[in-house]
Amino acid sequence: MLPNQSIEPQEIEAITDGCVNARRDYILGLWAGSQMGLCGDDLQLYVRDVIYTDRITPGAGPMIKKVARDFSKCGVALANNQISAAFQNAERTARIEMLVTD
């Protein structure tokens, strides 16, 4: 984008939110996959699955349900409120990371 082009605040907000959400989903996917004992390629595939899930059905509720179902299948005993806390932490971390500049 050229410096003399104006960008509407709504456009900036939409772009930023998209980046924060993608980073949040990545962080959540890494955390959840690690809780299930995934590593290497399996962990990366799981992270992609988490990111894809948010693209299909965005929001905290569907993401928490997805992770809870996956935990249940793998025998990981974490309550929804613990998953919700991890989701909130992932979002907070993603927002902080977006503020960091070189």
C-alpha atoms as a PDB file:
ATOM      1  CA  MET A   1       0.000   0.000   0.000  1.00  0.00           C
ATOM      2  CA  LEU A   2       1.298   3.431  -0.942  1.00  0.00           C
ATOM      3  CA  PRO A   3       1.830   5.955   1.873  1.00  0.00           C
ATOM      4  CA  ASN A   4      -0.522   8.521   0.331  1.00  0.00           C
ATOM      5  CA  GLN A   5      -3.469   6.125   0.225  1.00  0.00           C
ATOM      6  CA  SER A   6      -5.885   6.491   3.085  1.00  0.00           C
ATOM      7  CA  ILE A   7      -7.060   3.468   5.002  1.00  0.00           C
ATOM      8  CA  GLU A   8     -10.339   3.537   6.838  1.00  0.00           C
ATOM      9  CA  PRO A   9     -10.148   2.681  10.547  1.00  0.00           C
ATOM     10  CA  GLN A  10     -12.611  -0.180   9.995  1.00  0.00           C
ATOM     11  CA  GLU A  11     -10.233  -1.712   7.452  1.00  0.00           C
ATOM     12  CA  ILE A  12      -7.317  -1.530   9.871  1.00  0.00           C
ATOM     13  CA  GLU A  13      -9.422  -3.080  12.625  1.00  0.00           C
ATOM     14  CA  ALA A  14     -10.570  -5.933  10.381  1.00  0.00           C
ATOM     15  CA  ILE A  15      -7.018  -6.706   9.272  1.00  0.00           C
ATOM     16  CA  THR A  16      -5.711  -6.582  12.838  1.00  0.00           C
ATOM     17  CA  ASP A  17      -8.507  -8.776  14.204  1.00  0.00           C
ATOM     18  CA  GLY A  18      -7.830 -11.361  11.514  1.00  0.00           C
ATOM     19  CA  CYS A  19      -4.161 -11.489  12.471  1.00  0.00           C
ATOM     20  CA  VAL A  20      -4.924 -11.689  16.192  1.00  0.00           C
ATOM     21  CA  ASN A  21      -7.442 -14.485  15.651  1.00  0.00           C
ATOM     22  CA  ALA A  22      -5.036 -16.485  13.498  1.00  0.00           C
ATOM     23  CA  ARG A  23      -2.265 -16.103  16.075  1.00  0.00           C
ATOM     24  CA  ARG A  24      -4.671 -16.935  18.934  1.00  0.00           C
ATOM     25  CA  ASP A  25      -5.789 -20.104  17.146  1.00  0.00           C
ATOM     26  CA  TYR A  26      -2.173 -21.088  16.538  1.00  0.00           C
ATOM     27  CA  ILE A  27      -1.284 -20.611  20.212  1.00  0.00           C
ATOM     28  CA  LEU A  28      -4.404 -22.486  21.357  1.00  0.00           C
ATOM     29  CA  GLY A  29      -3.675 -25.324  18.938  1.00  0.00           C
ATOM     30  CA  LEU A  30      -0.108 -25.671  20.214  1.00  0.00           C
ATOM     31  CA  TRP A  31      -1.310 -25.727  23.822  1.00  0.00           C
ATOM     32  CA  ALA A  32      -4.121 -28.224  23.188  1.00  0.00           C
ATOM     33  CA  GLY A  33      -1.986 -30.481  21.025  1.00  0.00           C
ATOM     34  CA  SER A  34       0.749 -30.514  23.653  1.00  0.00           C
ATOM     35  CA  GLN A  35      -1.818 -31.439  26.310  1.00  0.00           C
ATOM     36  CA  MET A  36      -2.721 -34.444  24.153  1.00  0.00           C
ATOM     37  CA  GLY A  37       0.920 -35.459  23.796  1.00  0.00           C
ATOM     38  CA  LEU A  38       1.216 -34.524  20.124  1.00  0.00           C
ATOM     39  CA  CYS A  39       4.561 -33.476  18.686  1.00  0.00           C
ATOM     40  CA  GLY A  40       6.240 -32.882  15.367  1.00  0.00           C
ATOM     41  CA  ASP A  41       4.066 -33.253  12.283  1.00  0.00           C
ATOM     42  CA  ASP A  42       1.091 -34.484  14.320  1.00  0.00           C
ATOM     43  CA  LEU A  43       1.165 -31.305  16.394  1.00  0.00           C
ATOM     44  CA  GLN A  44       1.412 -29.099  13.310  1.00  0.00           C
ATOM     45  CA  LEU A  45      -1.511 -30.919  11.696  1.00  0.00           C
ATOM     46  CA  TYR A  46      -3.562 -30.430  14.841  1.00  0.00           C
ATOM     47  CA  VAL A  47      -2.730 -26.713  14.928  1.00  0.00           C
ATOM     48  CA  ARG A  48      -3.914 -26.413  11.320  1.00  0.00           C
ATOM     49  CA  ASP A  49      -7.122 -28.209  12.259  1.00  0.00           C
ATOM     50  CA  VAL A  50      -7.753 -25.753  15.108  1.00  0.00           C
ATOM     51  CA  ILE A  51      -7.132 -22.775  12.796  1.00  0.00           C
ATOM     52  CA  TYR A  52      -9.450 -24.275  10.167  1.00  0.00           C
ATOM     53  CA  THR A  53     -12.173 -24.865  12.773  1.00  0.00           C
ATOM     54  CA  ASP A  54     -12.210 -21.174  13.674  1.00  0.00           C
ATOM     55  CA  ARG A  55     -12.440 -20.225  10.002  1.00  0.00           C
ATOM     56  CA  ILE A  56     -15.520 -22.458   9.560  1.00  0.00           C
ATOM     57  CA  THR A  57     -17.255 -21.614  12.853  1.00  0.00           C
ATOM     58  CA  PRO A  58     -15.618 -18.558  14.442  1.00  0.00           C
ATOM     59  CA  GLY A  59     -15.760 -17.677  18.092  1.00  0.00           C
ATOM     60  CA  ALA A  60     -14.773 -18.879  21.522  1.00  0.00           C
ATOM     61  CA  GLY A  61     -17.683 -21.300  22.019  1.00  0.00           C
ATOM     62  CA  PRO A  62     -17.054 -23.514  18.992  1.00  0.00           C
ATOM     63  CA  MET A  63     -13.300 -23.503  19.634  1.00  0.00           C
ATOM     64  CA  ILE A  64     -13.725 -24.544  23.281  1.00  0.00           C
ATOM     65  CA  LYS A  65     -16.173 -27.308  22.272  1.00  0.00           C
ATOM     66  CA  LYS A  66     -13.770 -28.583  19.611  1.00  0.00           C
ATOM     67  CA  VAL A  67     -10.839 -28.757  22.024  1.00  0.00           C
ATOM     68  CA  ALA A  68     -13.048 -30.340  24.733  1.00  0.00           C
ATOM     69  CA  ARG A  69     -14.184 -33.052  22.274  1.00  0.00           C
ATOM     70  CA  ASP A  70     -10.589 -33.705  21.218  1.00  0.00           C
ATOM     71  CA  PHE A  71      -9.460 -33.904  24.844  1.00  0.00           C
ATOM     72  CA  SER A  72     -12.270 -36.339  25.624  1.00  0.00           C
ATOM     73  CA  LYS A  73     -11.239 -38.582  22.713  1.00  0.00           C
ATOM     74  CA  CYS A  74      -7.628 -38.595  23.953  1.00  0.00           C
ATOM     75  CA  GLY A  75      -8.440 -39.042  27.635  1.00  0.00           C
ATOM     76  CA  VAL A  76      -7.264 -35.578  28.698  1.00  0.00           C
ATOM     77  CA  ALA A  77      -9.233 -34.535  31.771  1.00  0.00           C
ATOM     78  CA  LEU A  78      -9.566 -30.760  31.584  1.00  0.00           C
ATOM     79  CA  ALA A  79     -12.821 -28.936  32.279  1.00  0.00           C
ATOM     80  CA  ASN A  80     -14.377 -26.441  29.888  1.00  0.00           C
ATOM     81  CA  ASN A  81     -13.484 -23.579  32.226  1.00  0.00           C
ATOM     82  CA  GLN A  82      -9.807 -24.587  31.998  1.00  0.00           C
ATOM     83  CA  ILE A  83     -10.025 -24.699  28.205  1.00  0.00           C
ATOM     84  CA  SER A  84     -11.805 -21.339  28.245  1.00  0.00           C
ATOM     85  CA  ALA A  85      -9.005 -19.881  30.377  1.00  0.00           C
ATOM     86  CA  ALA A  86      -6.430 -21.209  27.899  1.00  0.00           C
ATOM     87  CA  PHE A  87      -8.424 -19.651  25.033  1.00  0.00           C
ATOM     88  CA  GLN A  88      -8.473 -16.280  26.821  1.00  0.00           C
ATOM     89  CA  ASN A  89      -4.765 -16.552  27.576  1.00  0.00           C
ATOM     90  CA  ALA A  90      -4.034 -17.365  23.928  1.00  0.00           C
ATOM     91  CA  GLU A  91      -5.993 -14.303  22.829  1.00  0.00           C
ATOM     92  CA  ARG A  92      -4.249 -12.067  25.352  1.00  0.00           C
ATOM     93  CA  THR A  93      -0.860 -13.397  24.254  1.00  0.00           C
ATOM     94  CA  ALA A  94      -1.706 -12.897  20.574  1.00  0.00           C
ATOM     95  CA  ARG A  95      -2.787  -9.286  21.217  1.00  0.00           C
ATOM     96  CA  ILE A  96       0.414  -8.570  23.136  1.00  0.00           C
ATOM     97  CA  GLU A  97       2.519 -10.113  20.365  1.00  0.00           C
ATOM     98  CA  MET A  98       0.739  -7.952  17.790  1.00  0.00           C
ATOM     99  CA  LEU A  99       1.767  -4.843  19.734  1.00  0.00           C
ATOM    100  CA  VAL A 100       5.449  -5.760  19.767  1.00  0.00           C
ATOM    101  CA  THR A 101       7.481  -4.109  17.046  1.00  0.00           C
ATOM    102  CA  ASP A 102      11.123  -4.235  16.055  1.00  0.00           C
END
